[in-house]
Amino acid sequence: MNDAERESFERKYQDELIAQLSKMVTQVDAKIKRSLARAENGPQGRNEANNELHAQPEMNALQQESVNEKIDQLETKINLFNENAEKLGEEGKIEEAEAVMEEVEKFKKQKAELEALGDTSQVK
């Protein structure tokens, strides 16, 4: 293995490592965000005088959890597709990489819509 091959290998390894670490940070951030939302919406924070209303807020918490799971799934897809696009670009497959990036943009829009939905449901 000559120096150029070694440097290329190291760069690819570092890029993959950074992508994996970024993915892990994103997932942990999402879990923290969900946990904080659950803590804020939990039964400890509710007024006991509103016992009749417990059924509806619980449903909202379940809906919020579902939205958060969908957001996590989209974040995972975004990270995977970004990695795929990067590899395709490195292989010189520019058109394929651009097509993958278009899918990433669709996922990002879906994620933003879900986040906006999640933000409005937390205000209620």
PDB file of N, CA and C in Angstrom:
ATOM      1  N   MET A   1       0.858  -1.178   0.000  1.00  0.00           N
ATOM      2  CA  MET A   1       0.000   0.000   0.000  1.00  0.00           C
ATOM      3  C   MET A   1       0.900   1.236   0.000  1.00  0.00           C
ATOM      4  N   ASN A   2       0.778   2.037  -1.044  1.00  0.00           N
ATOM      5  CA  ASN A   2       1.593   3.247  -1.097  1.00  0.00           C
ATOM      6  C   ASN A   2       0.932   4.363  -0.306  1.00  0.00           C
ATOM      7  N   ASP A   3       1.617   5.494  -0.230  1.00  0.00           N
ATOM      8  CA  ASP A   3       1.132   6.610   0.585  1.00  0.00           C
ATOM      9  C   ASP A   3      -0.212   7.155   0.104  1.00  0.00           C
ATOM     10  N   ALA A   4      -0.400   7.241  -1.208  1.00  0.00           N
ATOM     11  CA  ALA A   4      -1.655   7.772  -1.743  1.00  0.00           C
ATOM     12  C   ALA A   4      -2.825   6.855  -1.389  1.00  0.00           C
ATOM     13  N   GLU A   5      -2.625   5.559  -1.517  1.00  0.00           N
ATOM     14  CA  GLU A   5      -3.685   4.607  -1.171  1.00  0.00           C
ATOM     15  C   GLU A   5      -3.978   4.656   0.319  1.00  0.00           C
ATOM     16  N   ARG A   6      -2.929   4.771   1.112  1.00  0.00           N
ATOM     17  CA  ARG A   6      -3.100   4.822   2.563  1.00  0.00           C
ATOM     18  C   ARG A   6      -3.873   6.077   2.975  1.00  0.00           C
ATOM     19  N   GLU A   7      -3.524   7.218   2.385  1.00  0.00           N
ATOM     20  CA  GLU A   7      -4.223   8.461   2.690  1.00  0.00           C
ATOM     21  C   GLU A   7      -5.682   8.386   2.270  1.00  0.00           C
ATOM     22  N   SER A   8      -5.938   7.792   1.107  1.00  0.00           N
ATOM     23  CA  SER A   8      -7.303   7.630   0.631  1.00  0.00           C
ATOM     24  C   SER A   8      -8.091   6.742   1.586  1.00  0.00           C
ATOM     25  N   PHE A   9      -7.483   5.653   2.025  1.00  0.00           N
ATOM     26  CA  PHE A   9      -8.126   4.742   2.966  1.00  0.00           C
ATOM     27  C   PHE A   9      -8.415   5.446   4.288  1.00  0.00           C
ATOM     28  N   GLU A  10      -7.437   6.187   4.797  1.00  0.00           N
ATOM     29  CA  GLU A  10      -7.616   6.903   6.057  1.00  0.00           C
ATOM     30  C   GLU A  10      -8.734   7.940   5.943  1.00  0.00           C
ATOM     31  N   ARG A  11      -8.789   8.641   4.818  1.00  0.00           N
ATOM     32  CA  ARG A  11      -9.820   9.663   4.614  1.00  0.00           C
ATOM     33  C   ARG A  11     -11.202   9.026   4.603  1.00  0.00           C
ATOM     34  N   LYS A  12     -11.334   7.914   3.869  1.00  0.00           N
ATOM     35  CA  LYS A  12     -12.627   7.228   3.833  1.00  0.00           C
ATOM     36  C   LYS A  12     -13.016   6.743   5.225  1.00  0.00           C
ATOM     37  N   TYR A  13     -12.043   6.206   5.952  1.00  0.00           N
ATOM     38  CA  TYR A  13     -12.309   5.728   7.310  1.00  0.00           C
ATOM     39  C   TYR A  13     -12.758   6.884   8.204  1.00  0.00           C
ATOM     40  N   GLN A  14     -12.059   8.001   8.116  1.00  0.00           N
ATOM     41  CA  GLN A  14     -12.410   9.161   8.933  1.00  0.00           C
ATOM     42  C   GLN A  14     -13.784   9.701   8.558  1.00  0.00           C
ATOM     43  N   ASP A  15     -14.092   9.732   7.258  1.00  0.00           N
ATOM     44  CA  ASP A  15     -15.404  10.203   6.811  1.00  0.00           C
ATOM     45  C   ASP A  15     -16.514   9.300   7.339  1.00  0.00           C
ATOM     46  N   GLU A  16     -16.288   7.996   7.260  1.00  0.00           N
ATOM     47  CA  GLU A  16     -17.288   7.050   7.768  1.00  0.00           C
ATOM     48  C   GLU A  16     -17.447   7.182   9.278  1.00  0.00           C
ATOM     49  N   LEU A  17     -16.337   7.375   9.978  1.00  0.00           N
ATOM     50  CA  LEU A  17     -16.382   7.535  11.424  1.00  0.00           C
ATOM     51  C   LEU A  17     -17.158   8.796  11.804  1.00  0.00           C
ATOM     52  N   ILE A  18     -16.876   9.886  11.120  1.00  0.00           N
ATOM     53  CA  ILE A  18     -17.576  11.145  11.387  1.00  0.00           C
ATOM     54  C   ILE A  18     -19.072  10.984  11.111  1.00  0.00           C
ATOM     55  N   ALA A  19     -19.414  10.310  10.015  1.00  0.00           N
ATOM     56  CA  ALA A  19     -20.824  10.101   9.680  1.00  0.00           C
ATOM     57  C   ALA A  19     -21.511   9.268  10.762  1.00  0.00           C
ATOM     58  N   GLN A  20     -20.863   8.216  11.211  1.00  0.00           N
ATOM     59  CA  GLN A  20     -21.442   7.366  12.254  1.00  0.00           C
ATOM     60  C   GLN A  20     -21.606   8.143  13.557  1.00  0.00           C
ATOM     61  N   LEU A  21     -20.584   8.899  13.936  1.00  0.00           N
ATOM     62  CA  LEU A  21     -20.661   9.672  15.173  1.00  0.00           C
ATOM     63  C   LEU A  21     -21.750  10.744  15.087  1.00  0.00           C
ATOM     64  N   SER A  22     -21.859  11.383  13.939  1.00  0.00           N
ATOM     65  CA  SER A  22     -22.909  12.390  13.747  1.00  0.00           C
ATOM     66  C   SER A  22     -24.285  11.756  13.876  1.00  0.00           C
ATOM     67  N   LYS A  23     -24.423  10.583  13.289  1.00  0.00           N
ATOM     68  CA  LYS A  23     -25.683   9.849  13.365  1.00  0.00           C
ATOM     69  C   LYS A  23     -26.020   9.524  14.822  1.00  0.00           C
ATOM     70  N   MET A  24     -25.029   9.083  15.578  1.00  0.00           N
ATOM     71  CA  MET A  24     -25.249   8.742  16.983  1.00  0.00           C
ATOM     72  C   MET A  24     -25.635   9.978  17.791  1.00  0.00           C
ATOM     73  N   VAL A  25     -24.969  11.092  17.538  1.00  0.00           N
ATOM     74  CA  VAL A  25     -25.282  12.335  18.245  1.00  0.00           C
ATOM     75  C   VAL A  25     -26.714  12.763  17.928  1.00  0.00           C
ATOM     76  N   THR A  26     -27.108  12.657  16.661  1.00  0.00           N
ATOM     77  CA  THR A  26     -28.467  13.030  16.253  1.00  0.00           C
ATOM     78  C   THR A  26     -29.494  12.155  16.963  1.00  0.00           C
ATOM     79  N   GLN A  27     -29.216  10.858  17.028  1.00  0.00           N
ATOM     80  CA  GLN A  27     -30.147   9.946  17.686  1.00  0.00           C
ATOM     81  C   GLN A  27     -30.255  10.232  19.181  1.00  0.00           C
ATOM     82  N   VAL A  28     -29.131  10.495  19.820  1.00  0.00           N
ATOM     83  CA  VAL A  28     -29.143  10.788  21.253  1.00  0.00           C
ATOM     84  C   VAL A  28     -29.856  12.112  21.516  1.00  0.00           C
ATOM     85  N   ASP A  29     -29.613  13.103  20.665  1.00  0.00           N
ATOM     86  CA  ASP A  29     -30.307  14.387  20.813  1.00  0.00           C
ATOM     87  C   ASP A  29     -31.819  14.197  20.711  1.00  0.00           C
ATOM     88  N   ALA A  30     -32.247  13.363  19.758  1.00  0.00           N
ATOM     89  CA  ALA A  30     -33.678  13.113  19.587  1.00  0.00           C
ATOM     90  C   ALA A  30     -34.251  12.407  20.819  1.00  0.00           C
ATOM     91  N   LYS A  31     -33.504  11.466  21.369  1.00  0.00           N
ATOM     92  CA  LYS A  31     -33.972  10.761  22.566  1.00  0.00           C
ATOM     93  C   LYS A  31     -34.075  11.718  23.750  1.00  0.00           C
ATOM     94  N   ILE A  32     -33.115  12.605  23.879  1.00  0.00           N
ATOM     95  CA  ILE A  32     -33.155  13.594  24.958  1.00  0.00           C
ATOM     96  C   ILE A  32     -34.369  14.495  24.781  1.00  0.00           C
ATOM     97  N   LYS A  33     -34.604  14.937  23.566  1.00  0.00           N
ATOM     98  CA  LYS A  33     -35.738  15.808  23.282  1.00  0.00           C
ATOM     99  C   LYS A  33     -37.051  15.108  23.639  1.00  0.00           C
ATOM    100  N   ARG A  34     -37.174  13.820  23.259  1.00  0.00           N
ATOM    101  CA  ARG A  34     -38.385  13.060  23.596  1.00  0.00           C
ATOM    102  C   ARG A  34     -38.535  12.908  25.105  1.00  0.00           C
ATOM    103  N   SER A  35     -37.433  12.621  25.776  1.00  0.00           N
ATOM    104  CA  SER A  35     -37.490  12.443  27.233  1.00  0.00           C
ATOM    105  C   SER A  35     -37.905  13.738  27.931  1.00  0.00           C
ATOM    106  N   LEU A  36     -37.370  14.847  27.462  1.00  0.00           N
ATOM    107  CA  LEU A  36     -37.759  16.133  28.045  1.00  0.00           C
ATOM    108  C   LEU A  36     -39.238  16.419  27.798  1.00  0.00           C
ATOM    109  N   ALA A  37     -39.710  16.103  26.613  1.00  0.00           N
ATOM    110  CA  ALA A  37     -41.125  16.314  26.302  1.00  0.00           C
ATOM    111  C   ALA A  37     -41.996  15.435  27.189  1.00  0.00           C
ATOM    112  N   ARG A  38     -41.577  14.198  27.400  1.00  0.00           N
ATOM    113  CA  ARG A  38     -42.337  13.301  28.277  1.00  0.00           C
ATOM    114  C   ARG A  38     -42.334  13.812  29.711  1.00  0.00           C
ATOM    115  N   ALA A  39     -41.177  14.319  30.140  1.00  0.00           N
ATOM    116  CA  ALA A  39     -41.082  14.829  31.513  1.00  0.00           C
ATOM    117  C   ALA A  39     -41.997  16.040  31.707  1.00  0.00           C
ATOM    118  N   GLU A  40     -42.065  16.893  30.705  1.00  0.00           N
ATOM    119  CA  GLU A  40     -42.927  18.073  30.795  1.00  0.00           C
ATOM    120  C   GLU A  40     -44.398  17.695  30.751  1.00  0.00           C
ATOM    121  N   ASN A  41     -44.745  16.664  29.996  1.00  0.00           N
ATOM    122  CA  ASN A  41     -46.139  16.265  29.834  1.00  0.00           C
ATOM    123  C   ASN A  41     -46.550  15.173  30.816  1.00  0.00           C
ATOM    124  N   GLY A  42     -45.629  14.747  31.664  1.00  0.00           N
ATOM    125  CA  GLY A  42     -45.890  13.633  32.569  1.00  0.00           C
ATOM    126  C   GLY A  42     -46.934  13.965  33.618  1.00  0.00           C
ATOM    127  N   PRO A  43     -47.463  12.925  34.289  1.00  0.00           N
ATOM    128  CA  PRO A  43     -48.515  13.141  35.281  1.00  0.00           C
ATOM    129  C   PRO A  43     -48.048  13.963  36.481  1.00  0.00           C
ATOM    130  N   GLN A  44     -46.755  14.017  36.766  1.00  0.00           N
ATOM    131  CA  GLN A  44     -46.271  14.804  37.897  1.00  0.00           C
ATOM    132  C   GLN A  44     -46.510  16.288  37.683  1.00  0.00           C
ATOM    133  N   GLY A  45     -46.489  16.728  36.437  1.00  0.00           N
ATOM    134  CA  GLY A  45     -46.629  18.146  36.152  1.00  0.00           C
ATOM    135  C   GLY A  45     -48.062  18.607  36.001  1.00  0.00           C
ATOM    136  N   ARG A  46     -49.016  17.694  36.126  1.00  0.00           N
ATOM    137  CA  ARG A  46     -50.419  18.057  35.928  1.00  0.00           C
ATOM    138  C   ARG A  46     -51.075  18.466  37.236  1.00  0.00           C
ATOM    139  N   ASN A  47     -52.053  19.302  37.096  1.00  0.00           N
ATOM    140  CA  ASN A  47     -52.850  19.731  38.245  1.00  0.00           C
ATOM    141  C   ASN A  47     -53.866  18.637  38.563  1.00  0.00           C
ATOM    142  N   GLU A  48     -53.941  18.192  39.811  1.00  0.00           N
ATOM    143  CA  GLU A  48     -54.849  17.115  40.181  1.00  0.00           C
ATOM    144  C   GLU A  48     -56.312  17.520  40.019  1.00  0.00           C
ATOM    145  N   ALA A  49     -56.615  18.794  39.982  1.00  0.00           N
ATOM    146  CA  ALA A  49     -57.996  19.245  39.803  1.00  0.00           C
ATOM    147  C   ALA A  49     -58.518  18.922  38.414  1.00  0.00           C
ATOM    148  N   ASN A  50     -57.624  18.648  37.464  1.00  0.00           N
ATOM    149  CA  ASN A  50     -58.022  18.368  36.086  1.00  0.00           C
ATOM    150  C   ASN A  50     -58.034  16.875  35.803  1.00  0.00           C
ATOM    151  N   ASN A  51     -58.418  16.057  36.770  1.00  0.00           N
ATOM    152  CA  ASN A  51     -58.395  14.611  36.597  1.00  0.00           C
ATOM    153  C   ASN A  51     -59.249  14.140  35.428  1.00  0.00           C
ATOM    154  N   GLU A  52     -60.382  14.820  35.153  1.00  0.00           N
ATOM    155  CA  GLU A  52     -61.235  14.392  34.048  1.00  0.00           C
ATOM    156  C   GLU A  52     -60.530  14.566  32.704  1.00  0.00           C
ATOM    157  N   LEU A  53     -59.611  15.479  32.640  1.00  0.00           N
ATOM    158  CA  LEU A  53     -58.941  15.777  31.373  1.00  0.00           C
ATOM    159  C   LEU A  53     -57.734  14.893  31.117  1.00  0.00           C
ATOM    160  N   HIS A  54     -57.445  13.978  32.013  1.00  0.00           N
ATOM    161  CA  HIS A  54     -56.259  13.130  31.853  1.00  0.00           C
ATOM    162  C   HIS A  54     -56.301  12.301  30.586  1.00  0.00           C
ATOM    163  N   ALA A  55     -57.449  11.825  30.164  1.00  0.00           N
ATOM    164  CA  ALA A  55     -57.521  10.962  28.991  1.00  0.00           C
ATOM    165  C   ALA A  55     -57.042  11.692  27.739  1.00  0.00           C
ATOM    166  N   GLN A  56     -57.461  12.915  27.545  1.00  0.00           N
ATOM    167  CA  GLN A  56     -57.056  13.650  26.351  1.00  0.00           C
ATOM    168  C   GLN A  56     -55.560  13.985  26.333  1.00  0.00           C
ATOM    169  N   PRO A  57     -54.952  14.518  27.427  1.00  0.00           N
ATOM    170  CA  PRO A  57     -53.519  14.775  27.392  1.00  0.00           C
ATOM    171  C   PRO A  57     -52.701  13.501  27.194  1.00  0.00           C
ATOM    172  N   GLU A  58     -53.160  12.371  27.751  1.00  0.00           N
ATOM    173  CA  GLU A  58     -52.445  11.119  27.538  1.00  0.00           C
ATOM    174  C   GLU A  58     -52.424  10.773  26.061  1.00  0.00           C
ATOM    175  N   MET A  59     -53.554  10.977  25.389  1.00  0.00           N
ATOM    176  CA  MET A  59     -53.613  10.696  23.960  1.00  0.00           C
ATOM    177  C   MET A  59     -52.644  11.604  23.218  1.00  0.00           C
ATOM    178  N   ASN A  60     -52.583  12.869  23.622  1.00  0.00           N
ATOM    179  CA  ASN A  60     -51.641  13.783  22.991  1.00  0.00           C
ATOM    180  C   ASN A  60     -50.204  13.330  23.225  1.00  0.00           C
ATOM    181  N   ALA A  61     -49.921  12.807  24.410  1.00  0.00           N
ATOM    182  CA  ALA A  61     -48.573  12.315  24.693  1.00  0.00           C
ATOM    183  C   ALA A  61     -48.253  11.120  23.812  1.00  0.00           C
ATOM    184  N   LEU A  62     -49.249  10.248  23.612  1.00  0.00           N
ATOM    185  CA  LEU A  62     -49.033   9.098  22.725  1.00  0.00           C
ATOM    186  C   LEU A  62     -48.826   9.550  21.284  1.00  0.00           C
ATOM    187  N   GLN A  63     -49.614  10.519  20.873  1.00  0.00           N
ATOM    188  CA  GLN A  63     -49.448  11.052  19.520  1.00  0.00           C
ATOM    189  C   GLN A  63     -48.080  11.708  19.368  1.00  0.00           C
ATOM    190  N   GLN A  64     -47.656  12.431  20.392  1.00  0.00           N
ATOM    191  CA  GLN A  64     -46.349  13.083  20.357  1.00  0.00           C
ATOM    192  C   GLN A  64     -45.242  12.037  20.244  1.00  0.00           C
ATOM    193  N   GLU A  65     -45.382  10.953  20.982  1.00  0.00           N
ATOM    194  CA  GLU A  65     -44.387   9.878  20.926  1.00  0.00           C
ATOM    195  C   GLU A  65     -44.318   9.291  19.519  1.00  0.00           C
ATOM    196  N   SER A  66     -45.475   9.119  18.894  1.00  0.00           N
ATOM    197  CA  SER A  66     -45.518   8.601  17.525  1.00  0.00           C
ATOM    198  C   SER A  66     -44.830   9.567  16.561  1.00  0.00           C
ATOM    199  N   VAL A  67     -45.094  10.841  16.724  1.00  0.00           N
ATOM    200  CA  VAL A  67     -44.453  11.853  15.880  1.00  0.00           C
ATOM    201  C   VAL A  67     -42.941  11.823  16.092  1.00  0.00           C
ATOM    202  N   ASN A  68     -42.512  11.715  17.358  1.00  0.00           N
ATOM    203  CA  ASN A  68     -41.079  11.673  17.655  1.00  0.00           C
ATOM    204  C   ASN A  68     -40.416  10.442  17.034  1.00  0.00           C
ATOM    205  N   GLU A  69     -41.108   9.314  17.052  1.00  0.00           N
ATOM    206  CA  GLU A  69     -40.565   8.103  16.434  1.00  0.00           C
ATOM    207  C   GLU A  69     -40.415   8.292  14.925  1.00  0.00           C
ATOM    208  N   LYS A  70     -41.404   8.924  14.294  1.00  0.00           N
ATOM    209  CA  LYS A  70     -41.332   9.182  12.859  1.00  0.00           C
ATOM    210  C   LYS A  70     -40.173  10.131  12.546  1.00  0.00           C
ATOM    211  N   ILE A  71     -39.977  11.124  13.404  1.00  0.00           N
ATOM    212  CA  ILE A  71     -38.863  12.052  13.219  1.00  0.00           C
ATOM    213  C   ILE A  71     -37.534  11.302  13.316  1.00  0.00           C
ATOM    214  N   ASP A  72     -37.426  10.411  14.306  1.00  0.00           N
ATOM    215  CA  ASP A  72     -36.207   9.609  14.444  1.00  0.00           C
ATOM    216  C   ASP A  72     -35.958   8.762  13.204  1.00  0.00           C
ATOM    217  N   GLN A  73     -37.022   8.156  12.674  1.00  0.00           N
ATOM    218  CA  GLN A  73     -36.880   7.335  11.475  1.00  0.00           C
ATOM    219  C   GLN A  73     -36.415   8.185  10.293  1.00  0.00           C
ATOM    220  N   LEU A  74     -36.977   9.380  10.168  1.00  0.00           N
ATOM    221  CA  LEU A  74     -36.567  10.268   9.078  1.00  0.00           C
ATOM    222  C   LEU A  74     -35.109  10.700   9.248  1.00  0.00           C
ATOM    223  N   GLU A  75     -34.693  10.984  10.492  1.00  0.00           N
ATOM    224  CA  GLU A  75     -33.298  11.364  10.726  1.00  0.00           C
ATOM    225  C   GLU A  75     -32.356  10.236  10.328  1.00  0.00           C
ATOM    226  N   THR A  76     -32.741   9.010  10.644  1.00  0.00           N
ATOM    227  CA  THR A  76     -31.924   7.854  10.266  1.00  0.00           C
ATOM    228  C   THR A  76     -31.846   7.745   8.744  1.00  0.00           C
ATOM    229  N   LYS A  77     -32.995   7.897   8.072  1.00  0.00           N
ATOM    230  CA  LYS A  77     -33.007   7.838   6.604  1.00  0.00           C
ATOM    231  C   LYS A  77     -32.135   8.942   6.019  1.00  0.00           C
ATOM    232  N   ILE A  78     -32.257  10.143   6.565  1.00  0.00           N
ATOM    233  CA  ILE A  78     -31.462  11.273   6.063  1.00  0.00           C
ATOM    234  C   ILE A  78     -29.972  10.967   6.177  1.00  0.00           C
ATOM    235  N   ASN A  79     -29.557  10.463   7.344  1.00  0.00           N
ATOM    236  CA  ASN A  79     -28.140  10.149   7.543  1.00  0.00           C
ATOM    237  C   ASN A  79     -27.670   9.062   6.591  1.00  0.00           C
ATOM    238  N   LEU A  80     -28.467   8.006   6.429  1.00  0.00           N
ATOM    239  CA  LEU A  80     -28.087   6.915   5.540  1.00  0.00           C
ATOM    240  C   LEU A  80     -28.011   7.376   4.090  1.00  0.00           C
ATOM    241  N   PHE A  81     -29.001   8.151   3.675  1.00  0.00           N
ATOM    242  CA  PHE A  81     -29.010   8.638   2.302  1.00  0.00           C
ATOM    243  C   PHE A  81     -27.854   9.610   2.056  1.00  0.00           C
ATOM    244  N   ASN A  82     -27.518  10.442   3.045  1.00  0.00           N
ATOM    245  CA  ASN A  82     -26.375  11.339   2.905  1.00  0.00           C
ATOM    246  C   ASN A  82     -25.084  10.549   2.720  1.00  0.00           C
ATOM    247  N   GLU A  83     -24.921   9.496   3.524  1.00  0.00           N
ATOM    248  CA  GLU A  83     -23.735   8.644   3.393  1.00  0.00           C
ATOM    249  C   GLU A  83     -23.686   8.016   2.009  1.00  0.00           C
ATOM    250  N   ASN A  84     -24.840   7.531   1.548  1.00  0.00           N
ATOM    251  CA  ASN A  84     -24.909   6.904   0.233  1.00  0.00           C
ATOM    252  C   ASN A  84     -24.559   7.911  -0.868  1.00  0.00           C
ATOM    253  N   ALA A  85     -25.100   9.113  -0.766  1.00  0.00           N
ATOM    254  CA  ALA A  85     -24.822  10.145  -1.763  1.00  0.00           C
ATOM    255  C   ALA A  85     -23.336  10.497  -1.773  1.00  0.00           C
ATOM    256  N   GLU A  86     -22.743  10.558  -0.587  1.00  0.00           N
ATOM    257  CA  GLU A  86     -21.319  10.868  -0.500  1.00  0.00           C
ATOM    258  C   GLU A  86     -20.485   9.784  -1.184  1.00  0.00           C
ATOM    259  N   LYS A  87     -20.831   8.535  -0.943  1.00  0.00           N
ATOM    260  CA  LYS A  87     -20.098   7.427  -1.565  1.00  0.00           C
ATOM    261  C   LYS A  87     -20.268   7.446  -3.082  1.00  0.00           C
ATOM    262  N   LEU A  88     -21.497   7.711  -3.526  1.00  0.00           N
ATOM    263  CA  LEU A  88     -21.734   7.785  -4.964  1.00  0.00           C
ATOM    264  C   LEU A  88     -20.929   8.921  -5.585  1.00  0.00           C
ATOM    265  N   GLY A  89     -20.869  10.055  -4.898  1.00  0.00           N
ATOM    266  CA  GLY A  89     -20.082  11.182  -5.396  1.00  0.00           C
ATOM    267  C   GLY A  89     -18.610  10.850  -5.483  1.00  0.00           C
ATOM    268  N   GLU A  90     -18.098  10.144  -4.466  1.00  0.00           N
ATOM    269  CA  GLU A  90     -16.687   9.753  -4.476  1.00  0.00           C
ATOM    270  C   GLU A  90     -16.392   8.777  -5.612  1.00  0.00           C
ATOM    271  N   GLU A  91     -17.402   7.974  -5.974  1.00  0.00           N
ATOM    272  CA  GLU A  91     -17.230   7.017  -7.069  1.00  0.00           C
ATOM    273  C   GLU A  91     -17.442   7.671  -8.427  1.00  0.00           C
ATOM    274  N   GLY A  92     -17.787   8.950  -8.437  1.00  0.00           N
ATOM    275  CA  GLY A  92     -17.975   9.671  -9.687  1.00  0.00           C
ATOM    276  C   GLY A  92     -19.380   9.537 -10.256  1.00  0.00           C
ATOM    277  N   LYS A  93     -20.291   8.981  -9.502  1.00  0.00           N
ATOM    278  CA  LYS A  93     -21.671   8.795  -9.957  1.00  0.00           C
ATOM    279  C   LYS A  93     -22.494  10.009  -9.512  1.00  0.00           C
ATOM    280  N   ILE A  94     -22.252  11.122 -10.187  1.00  0.00           N
ATOM    281  CA  ILE A  94     -22.819  12.405  -9.788  1.00  0.00           C
ATOM    282  C   ILE A  94     -24.338  12.429  -9.933  1.00  0.00           C
ATOM    283  N   GLU A  95     -24.859  11.926 -11.048  1.00  0.00           N
ATOM    284  CA  GLU A  95     -26.305  11.958 -11.262  1.00  0.00           C
ATOM    285  C   GLU A  95     -27.038  11.145 -10.197  1.00  0.00           C
ATOM    286  N   GLU A  96     -26.486   9.966  -9.872  1.00  0.00           N
ATOM    287  CA  GLU A  96     -27.109   9.137  -8.847  1.00  0.00           C
ATOM    288  C   GLU A  96     -27.054   9.840  -7.489  1.00  0.00           C
ATOM    289  N   ALA A  97     -25.922  10.481  -7.208  1.00  0.00           N
ATOM    290  CA  ALA A  97     -25.775  11.201  -5.940  1.00  0.00           C
ATOM    291  C   ALA A  97     -26.782  12.347  -5.852  1.00  0.00           C
ATOM    292  N   GLU A  98     -26.997  13.056  -6.959  1.00  0.00           N
ATOM    293  CA  GLU A  98     -27.967  14.148  -6.968  1.00  0.00           C
ATOM    294  C   GLU A  98     -29.380  13.623  -6.738  1.00  0.00           C
ATOM    295  N   ALA A  99     -29.701  12.462  -7.331  1.00  0.00           N
ATOM    296  CA  ALA A  99     -31.029  11.869  -7.133  1.00  0.00           C
ATOM    297  C   ALA A  99     -31.235  11.493  -5.666  1.00  0.00           C
ATOM    298  N   VAL A 100     -30.193  10.965  -5.060  1.00  0.00           N
ATOM    299  CA  VAL A 100     -30.281  10.600  -3.643  1.00  0.00           C
ATOM    300  C   VAL A 100     -30.455  11.862  -2.797  1.00  0.00           C
ATOM    301  N   MET A 101     -29.754  12.926  -3.141  1.00  0.00           N
ATOM    302  CA  MET A 101     -29.870  14.173  -2.387  1.00  0.00           C
ATOM    303  C   MET A 101     -31.272  14.782  -2.527  1.00  0.00           C
ATOM    304  N   GLU A 102     -31.930  14.577  -3.673  1.00  0.00           N
ATOM    305  CA  GLU A 102     -33.312  15.035  -3.822  1.00  0.00           C
ATOM    306  C   GLU A 102     -34.212  14.309  -2.827  1.00  0.00           C
ATOM    307  N   GLU A 103     -33.964  13.003  -2.647  1.00  0.00           N
ATOM    308  CA  GLU A 103     -34.727  12.238  -1.661  1.00  0.00           C
ATOM    309  C   GLU A 103     -34.457  12.770  -0.250  1.00  0.00           C
ATOM    310  N   VAL A 104     -33.199  13.123   0.016  1.00  0.00           N
ATOM    311  CA  VAL A 104     -32.838  13.673   1.325  1.00  0.00           C
ATOM    312  C   VAL A 104     -33.624  14.951   1.572  1.00  0.00           C
ATOM    313  N   GLU A 105     -33.745  15.796   0.581  1.00  0.00           N
ATOM    314  CA  GLU A 105     -34.496  17.044   0.734  1.00  0.00           C
ATOM    315  C   GLU A 105     -35.964  16.762   1.036  1.00  0.00           C
ATOM    316  N   LYS A 106     -36.542  15.738   0.396  1.00  0.00           N
ATOM    317  CA  LYS A 106     -37.933  15.365   0.684  1.00  0.00           C
ATOM    318  C   LYS A 106     -38.062  14.922   2.142  1.00  0.00           C
ATOM    319  N   PHE A 107     -37.106  14.118   2.593  1.00  0.00           N
ATOM    320  CA  PHE A 107     -37.134  13.653   3.986  1.00  0.00           C
ATOM    321  C   PHE A 107     -36.999  14.825   4.955  1.00  0.00           C
ATOM    322  N   LYS A 108     -36.144  15.782   4.608  1.00  0.00           N
ATOM    323  CA  LYS A 108     -35.962  16.952   5.479  1.00  0.00           C
ATOM    324  C   LYS A 108     -37.243  17.767   5.575  1.00  0.00           C
ATOM    325  N   LYS A 109     -37.967  17.905   4.449  1.00  0.00           N
ATOM    326  CA  LYS A 109     -39.236  18.629   4.473  1.00  0.00           C
ATOM    327  C   LYS A 109     -40.249  17.896   5.347  1.00  0.00           C
ATOM    328  N   GLN A 110     -40.308  16.576   5.194  1.00  0.00           N
ATOM    329  CA  GLN A 110     -41.228  15.789   6.020  1.00  0.00           C
ATOM    330  C   GLN A 110     -40.878  15.941   7.501  1.00  0.00           C
ATOM    331  N   LYS A 111     -39.592  15.912   7.796  1.00  0.00           N
ATOM    332  CA  LYS A 111     -39.137  16.041   9.177  1.00  0.00           C
ATOM    333  C   LYS A 111     -39.535  17.412   9.739  1.00  0.00           C
ATOM    334  N   ALA A 112     -39.337  18.465   8.947  1.00  0.00           N
ATOM    335  CA  ALA A 112     -39.687  19.819   9.395  1.00  0.00           C
ATOM    336  C   ALA A 112     -41.188  19.926   9.666  1.00  0.00           C
ATOM    337  N   GLU A 113     -42.000  19.306   8.801  1.00  0.00           N
ATOM    338  CA  GLU A 113     -43.448  19.326   9.005  1.00  0.00           C
ATOM    339  C   GLU A 113     -43.818  18.609  10.301  1.00  0.00           C
ATOM    340  N   LEU A 114     -43.194  17.455  10.540  1.00  0.00           N
ATOM    341  CA  LEU A 114     -43.478  16.710  11.767  1.00  0.00           C
ATOM    342  C   LEU A 114     -43.017  17.478  12.997  1.00  0.00           C
ATOM    343  N   GLU A 115     -41.855  18.131  12.903  1.00  0.00           N
ATOM    344  CA  GLU A 115     -41.361  18.918  14.032  1.00  0.00           C
ATOM    345  C   GLU A 115     -42.304  20.079  14.328  1.00  0.00           C
ATOM    346  N   ALA A 116     -42.824  20.704  13.282  1.00  0.00           N
ATOM    347  CA  ALA A 116     -43.773  21.795  13.482  1.00  0.00           C
ATOM    348  C   ALA A 116     -45.046  21.265  14.125  1.00  0.00           C
ATOM    349  N   LEU A 117     -45.491  20.111  13.695  1.00  0.00           N
ATOM    350  CA  LEU A 117     -46.676  19.473  14.282  1.00  0.00           C
ATOM    351  C   LEU A 117     -46.406  19.158  15.746  1.00  0.00           C
ATOM    352  N   GLY A 118     -45.217  18.639  16.029  1.00  0.00           N
ATOM    353  CA  GLY A 118     -44.848  18.312  17.415  1.00  0.00           C
ATOM    354  C   GLY A 118     -44.769  19.549  18.285  1.00  0.00           C
ATOM    355  N   ASP A 119     -44.272  20.637  17.734  1.00  0.00           N
ATOM    356  CA  ASP A 119     -44.157  21.880  18.502  1.00  0.00           C
ATOM    357  C   ASP A 119     -45.530  22.440  18.848  1.00  0.00           C
ATOM    358  N   THR A 120     -46.472  22.375  17.905  1.00  0.00           N
ATOM    359  CA  THR A 120     -47.806  22.917  18.180  1.00  0.00           C
ATOM    360  C   THR A 120     -48.562  22.038  19.160  1.00  0.00           C
ATOM    361  N   SER A 121     -48.319  20.729  19.128  1.00  0.00           N
ATOM    362  CA  SER A 121     -49.043  19.859  20.066  1.00  0.00           C
ATOM    363  C   SER A 121     -48.498  20.011  21.483  1.00  0.00           C
ATOM    364  N   GLN A 122     -47.250  20.435  21.630  1.00  0.00           N
ATOM    365  CA  GLN A 122     -46.690  20.644  22.963  1.00  0.00           C
ATOM    366  C   GLN A 122     -47.232  21.909  23.601  1.00  0.00           C
ATOM    367  N   VAL A 123     -47.648  22.868  22.781  1.00  0.00           N
ATOM    368  CA  VAL A 123     -48.155  24.129  23.290  1.00  0.00           C
ATOM    369  C   VAL A 123     -49.530  23.926  23.926  1.00  0.00           C
ATOM    370  N   LYS A 124     -50.319  23.008  23.377  1.00  0.00           N
ATOM    371  CA  LYS A 124     -51.687  22.772  23.869  1.00  0.00           C
ATOM    372  C   LYS A 124     -51.731  22.337  25.300  1.00  0.00           C
TER     373      LYS A 124
END
